[in-house]
Amino acid sequence: MTGKLYLVPTPIGNLEDITLRALRILKEVDLVLAEDTRTSSVLLKHYEIATHMESHHKFNEHKTSQAVCEKIAAGMNVALISDAGSPGISDPGFFLTRACIEAGIEVEALPGATAFVPALTKSGFPTSTFTFHGFLPVKKGRQTKMLEIAECQHTSIVYESPFRLVRTLEQIVQFMGAQRGVAVCRELTKKFEECRRGPAQEVLNWYKNNQPKGEIAIIIAAKDYKWGEDNYEQAEEE
């Protein structure tokens, strides 16, 4: 009997942000594929889950996906998790999912944690239509992507490293203007969670003088979105 592939979201910081269903699946499957077994072992140990783990990350997913499909086709139930959030969203998962679908294997995706949703909803920008861009290109194609976002008529979301945040905000000012609305959300669900909102230049000035830490999501207002300076909220620190 053919097994099944489960795509299981894991907490992006706070270990309480995992569903009861996800915990059950992780206990019941035959194998857990983890982006980094060292990182995921903390979560599994916390919830006393002893399921065997193997690595499945961006450096080996092309080579291992077919072998995993064969295991599932032979009857093994497999759960795929990333270090944090939903598999396939700026994390490994697409290649294995596609391989399973092409092989006629059932894929079940669980709902759960992902960083850009809370960042978007607490940004204060319109949420009815938005584009998620993931991580921006580091070099080739970066300017093209910036120009694309500059002309976007709805809210845009990007992920960024704390080491490149200032550079990215400088480019937002350069390509989109000093008054373009942004919200920089970092350390979501963690002790030092912060969301700093305002015109791009003001937010840039802040982070030039305050070194950012942790995972970051940047929410960028639509090109023609009008939000006066009096309406920008002060940074929230929780």
Protein backbone atom coordinates (compact mmCIF):
# COMPACT_ATOMS: atom_id res chain seq x y z
CA MET A 1 0.00 0.00 0.00
CA THR A 2 1.34 3.42 -0.97
CA GLY A 3 2.22 5.79 1.86
CA LYS A 4 1.70 9.53 2.01
CA LEU A 5 3.78 12.69 2.15
CA TYR A 6 2.80 15.17 4.87
CA LEU A 7 3.94 18.80 4.69
CA VAL A 8 4.03 19.87 8.32
CA PRO A 9 4.55 23.49 9.42
CA THR A 10 6.66 24.03 12.54
CA PRO A 11 6.89 27.07 14.87
CA ILE A 12 8.81 30.11 13.64
CA GLY A 13 9.97 30.85 17.18
CA ASN A 14 7.50 30.11 19.95
CA LEU A 15 7.30 26.33 20.39
CA GLU A 16 3.64 26.64 21.39
CA ASP A 17 2.74 27.59 17.81
CA ILE A 18 2.21 24.06 16.53
CA THR A 19 -1.10 22.33 15.99
CA LEU A 20 -2.30 19.20 17.74
CA ARG A 21 -2.68 17.59 14.34
CA ALA A 22 0.93 18.37 13.44
CA LEU A 23 2.14 16.76 16.66
CA ARG A 24 0.07 13.66 15.98
CA ILE A 25 1.39 13.33 12.43
CA LEU A 26 5.00 13.73 13.55
CA LYS A 27 4.50 10.93 16.06
CA GLU A 28 2.69 8.58 13.67
CA VAL A 29 4.78 8.78 10.50
CA ASP A 30 7.64 6.40 9.78
CA LEU A 31 10.13 9.13 8.91
CA VAL A 32 10.59 12.86 9.44
CA LEU A 33 12.59 14.73 6.82
CA ALA A 34 14.13 17.83 8.41
CA GLU A 35 15.97 20.76 6.89
CA ASP A 36 18.45 20.56 9.78
CA THR A 37 18.09 17.61 12.12
CA ARG A 38 19.94 19.47 14.88
CA THR A 39 17.44 22.33 14.83
CA SER A 40 14.39 20.08 14.52
CA SER A 41 15.57 17.76 17.28
CA VAL A 42 14.91 20.57 19.77
CA LEU A 43 11.25 20.67 18.74
CA LEU A 44 10.80 16.91 18.65
CA LYS A 45 12.52 16.45 21.99
CA HIS A 46 10.35 19.17 23.54
CA TYR A 47 7.22 17.24 22.54
CA GLU A 48 8.73 13.82 23.26
CA ILE A 49 8.59 12.70 19.64
CA ALA A 50 11.01 9.87 18.88
CA THR A 51 10.35 9.43 15.15
CA HIS A 52 13.48 8.82 13.10
CA MET A 53 14.80 11.89 11.26
CA GLU A 54 16.85 12.35 8.11
CA SER A 55 18.16 15.49 6.41
CA HIS A 56 16.37 17.02 3.44
CA HIS A 57 17.67 20.47 2.55
CA LYS A 58 18.32 22.73 -0.44
CA PHE A 59 21.74 21.19 -1.06
CA ASN A 60 20.50 17.61 -1.42
CA GLU A 61 16.78 17.82 -2.26
CA HIS A 62 17.35 17.37 -6.01
CA LYS A 63 19.21 14.11 -5.38
CA THR A 64 17.13 12.69 -2.54
CA SER A 65 13.58 13.46 -3.70
CA GLN A 66 13.35 10.46 -6.01
CA ALA A 67 14.62 8.09 -3.33
CA VAL A 68 12.07 9.46 -0.85
CA CYS A 69 9.30 8.97 -3.42
CA GLU A 70 10.32 5.33 -3.75
CA LYS A 71 10.12 4.87 0.01
CA ILE A 72 6.65 6.38 0.13
CA ALA A 73 5.52 4.32 -2.86
CA ALA A 74 6.64 1.23 -0.95
CA GLY A 75 4.33 2.11 1.94
CA MET A 76 6.28 4.52 4.16
CA ASN A 77 4.52 7.60 5.55
CA VAL A 78 6.85 10.61 5.56
CA ALA A 79 6.57 14.07 7.13
CA LEU A 80 8.57 16.97 5.73
CA ILE A 81 9.43 19.88 8.03
CA SER A 82 11.71 22.90 7.70
CA ASP A 83 13.69 24.69 10.38
CA ALA A 84 10.72 27.01 10.90
CA GLY A 85 7.43 27.68 9.16
CA SER A 86 5.76 25.90 6.27
CA PRO A 87 7.80 23.62 3.96
CA GLY A 88 8.09 25.04 0.46
CA ILE A 89 7.71 28.68 1.53
CA SER A 90 11.28 29.99 1.12
CA ASP A 91 12.32 26.54 2.33
CA PRO A 92 12.84 23.10 0.77
CA GLY A 93 9.69 21.26 -0.22
CA PHE A 94 8.77 22.09 -3.80
CA PHE A 95 10.91 19.46 -5.51
CA LEU A 96 9.77 16.62 -3.27
CA THR A 97 6.13 17.67 -3.51
CA ARG A 98 6.31 17.80 -7.29
CA ALA A 99 8.08 14.44 -7.49
CA CYS A 100 5.41 12.81 -5.33
CA ILE A 101 2.57 14.29 -7.37
CA GLU A 102 4.18 13.09 -10.60
CA ALA A 103 4.52 9.61 -9.07
CA GLY A 104 0.84 9.55 -8.10
CA ILE A 105 1.59 9.80 -4.37
CA GLU A 106 -0.87 11.63 -2.16
CA VAL A 107 0.42 14.84 -0.59
CA GLU A 108 -1.28 16.28 2.48
CA ALA A 109 -0.38 19.84 3.49
CA LEU A 110 -1.19 20.89 7.05
CA PRO A 111 -2.01 24.52 7.86
CA GLY A 112 0.21 26.26 10.35
CA ALA A 113 2.93 28.77 11.12
CA THR A 114 4.56 30.91 8.45
CA ALA A 115 6.31 34.21 9.09
CA PHE A 116 4.85 36.46 6.41
CA VAL A 117 1.21 36.14 7.52
CA PRO A 118 1.57 37.68 11.01
CA ALA A 119 3.99 40.25 9.61
CA LEU A 120 1.43 41.27 6.97
CA THR A 121 -1.55 41.39 9.28
CA LYS A 122 0.19 43.52 11.91
CA SER A 123 1.84 45.87 9.38
CA GLY A 124 -1.21 48.09 9.05
CA PHE A 125 -1.10 47.94 5.25
CA PRO A 126 -4.02 46.63 3.15
CA THR A 127 -4.18 42.84 3.12
CA SER A 128 -6.86 42.14 0.51
CA THR A 129 -4.23 41.73 -2.23
CA PHE A 130 -0.51 41.18 -1.74
CA THR A 131 2.55 39.60 -3.34
CA PHE A 132 5.05 37.49 -1.43
CA HIS A 133 8.52 37.67 -2.99
CA GLY A 134 10.48 35.56 -0.50
CA PHE A 135 14.16 36.46 -0.25
CA LEU A 136 15.38 39.04 -2.75
CA PRO A 137 18.21 38.05 -5.10
CA VAL A 138 21.53 38.86 -3.45
CA LYS A 139 23.17 40.10 -6.66
CA LYS A 140 21.87 39.22 -10.13
CA GLY A 141 18.29 40.32 -10.63
CA ARG A 142 18.07 42.34 -7.41
CA GLN A 143 17.61 45.73 -9.10
CA THR A 144 15.04 44.27 -11.48
CA LYS A 145 13.05 42.92 -8.54
CA MET A 146 13.28 46.26 -6.72
CA LEU A 147 11.94 48.08 -9.78
CA GLU A 148 9.12 45.55 -10.04
CA ILE A 149 8.09 46.11 -6.42
CA ALA A 150 8.41 49.89 -6.88
CA GLU A 151 5.59 49.80 -9.45
CA CYS A 152 3.41 47.34 -7.54
CA GLN A 153 -0.14 48.53 -6.90
CA HIS A 154 -0.64 46.33 -3.83
CA THR A 155 1.26 45.36 -0.69
CA SER A 156 4.53 43.47 -1.14
CA ILE A 157 6.38 41.19 1.29
CA VAL A 158 10.04 40.19 1.31
CA TYR A 159 12.24 38.25 3.71
CA GLU A 160 15.65 39.62 4.60
CA SER A 161 18.74 38.82 6.62
CA PRO A 162 19.64 41.22 9.44
CA PHE A 163 23.04 41.64 7.76
CA ARG A 164 21.40 43.01 4.57
CA LEU A 165 18.49 44.95 6.07
CA VAL A 166 20.13 48.39 5.91
CA ARG A 167 21.21 47.79 2.32
CA THR A 168 17.70 46.73 1.37
CA LEU A 169 16.12 49.76 3.03
CA GLU A 170 18.61 51.99 1.23
CA GLN A 171 17.53 50.46 -2.06
CA ILE A 172 13.86 50.89 -1.19
CA VAL A 173 14.56 54.59 -0.66
CA GLN A 174 16.57 54.71 -3.89
CA PHE A 175 14.03 52.95 -6.12
CA MET A 176 10.74 53.69 -4.36
CA GLY A 177 11.27 57.00 -2.59
CA ALA A 178 11.95 58.16 0.96
CA GLN A 179 8.24 58.30 1.82
CA ARG A 180 7.37 54.77 0.68
CA GLY A 181 5.64 53.07 3.59
CA VAL A 182 7.38 50.06 5.12
CA ALA A 183 7.00 47.85 8.16
CA VAL A 184 10.03 45.89 9.35
CA CYS A 185 8.92 42.93 11.45
CA ARG A 186 11.58 40.87 13.18
CA GLU A 187 11.81 38.07 15.74
CA LEU A 188 8.13 37.24 15.22
CA THR A 189 6.58 35.20 18.06
CA LYS A 190 9.78 35.52 20.10
CA LYS A 191 10.59 37.45 23.28
CA PHE A 192 11.99 40.50 21.50
CA GLU A 193 9.44 40.70 18.68
CA GLU A 194 9.39 44.12 17.05
CA CYS A 195 7.48 45.82 14.24
CA ARG A 196 8.80 49.22 13.21
CA ARG A 197 6.59 51.10 10.77
CA GLY A 198 7.05 54.38 8.91
CA PRO A 199 8.39 56.07 5.79
CA ALA A 200 11.32 54.10 4.39
CA GLN A 201 13.85 56.83 5.15
CA GLU A 202 12.84 57.05 8.80
CA VAL A 203 12.98 53.30 9.27
CA LEU A 204 16.36 53.22 7.49
CA ASN A 205 17.72 55.92 9.81
CA TRP A 206 16.63 53.87 12.82
CA TYR A 207 18.37 50.70 11.71
CA LYS A 208 21.52 52.55 10.75
CA ASN A 209 21.84 53.36 14.44
CA ASN A 210 20.34 50.18 15.86
CA GLN A 211 21.82 46.90 14.64
CA PRO A 212 18.96 44.50 13.80
CA LYS A 213 18.98 40.89 14.92
CA GLY A 214 16.89 37.85 14.07
CA GLU A 215 14.73 36.82 11.13
CA ILE A 216 13.10 39.74 9.29
CA ALA A 217 10.04 40.28 7.11
CA ILE A 218 9.65 43.62 5.32
CA ILE A 219 6.19 44.77 4.31
CA ILE A 220 6.19 47.42 1.55
CA ALA A 221 3.17 49.58 0.83
CA ALA A 222 1.66 49.79 -2.65
CA LYS A 223 3.01 52.47 -4.98
CA ASP A 224 0.02 54.80 -4.64
CA TYR A 225 -0.93 53.97 -1.05
CA LYS A 226 -1.29 57.18 0.92
CA TRP A 227 -0.57 57.06 4.60
CA GLY A 228 0.38 60.38 6.20
CA GLU A 229 3.18 60.59 8.70
CA ASP A 230 0.67 61.32 11.48
CA ASN A 231 -0.81 57.86 10.93
CA TYR A 232 2.40 55.88 11.34
CA GLU A 233 2.40 54.05 14.63
CA GLN A 234 5.39 53.89 16.89
CA ALA A 235 7.37 50.67 16.98
CA GLU A 236 5.85 47.90 19.03
CA GLU A 237 8.13 45.91 21.25
CA GLU A 238 6.64 42.87 22.91
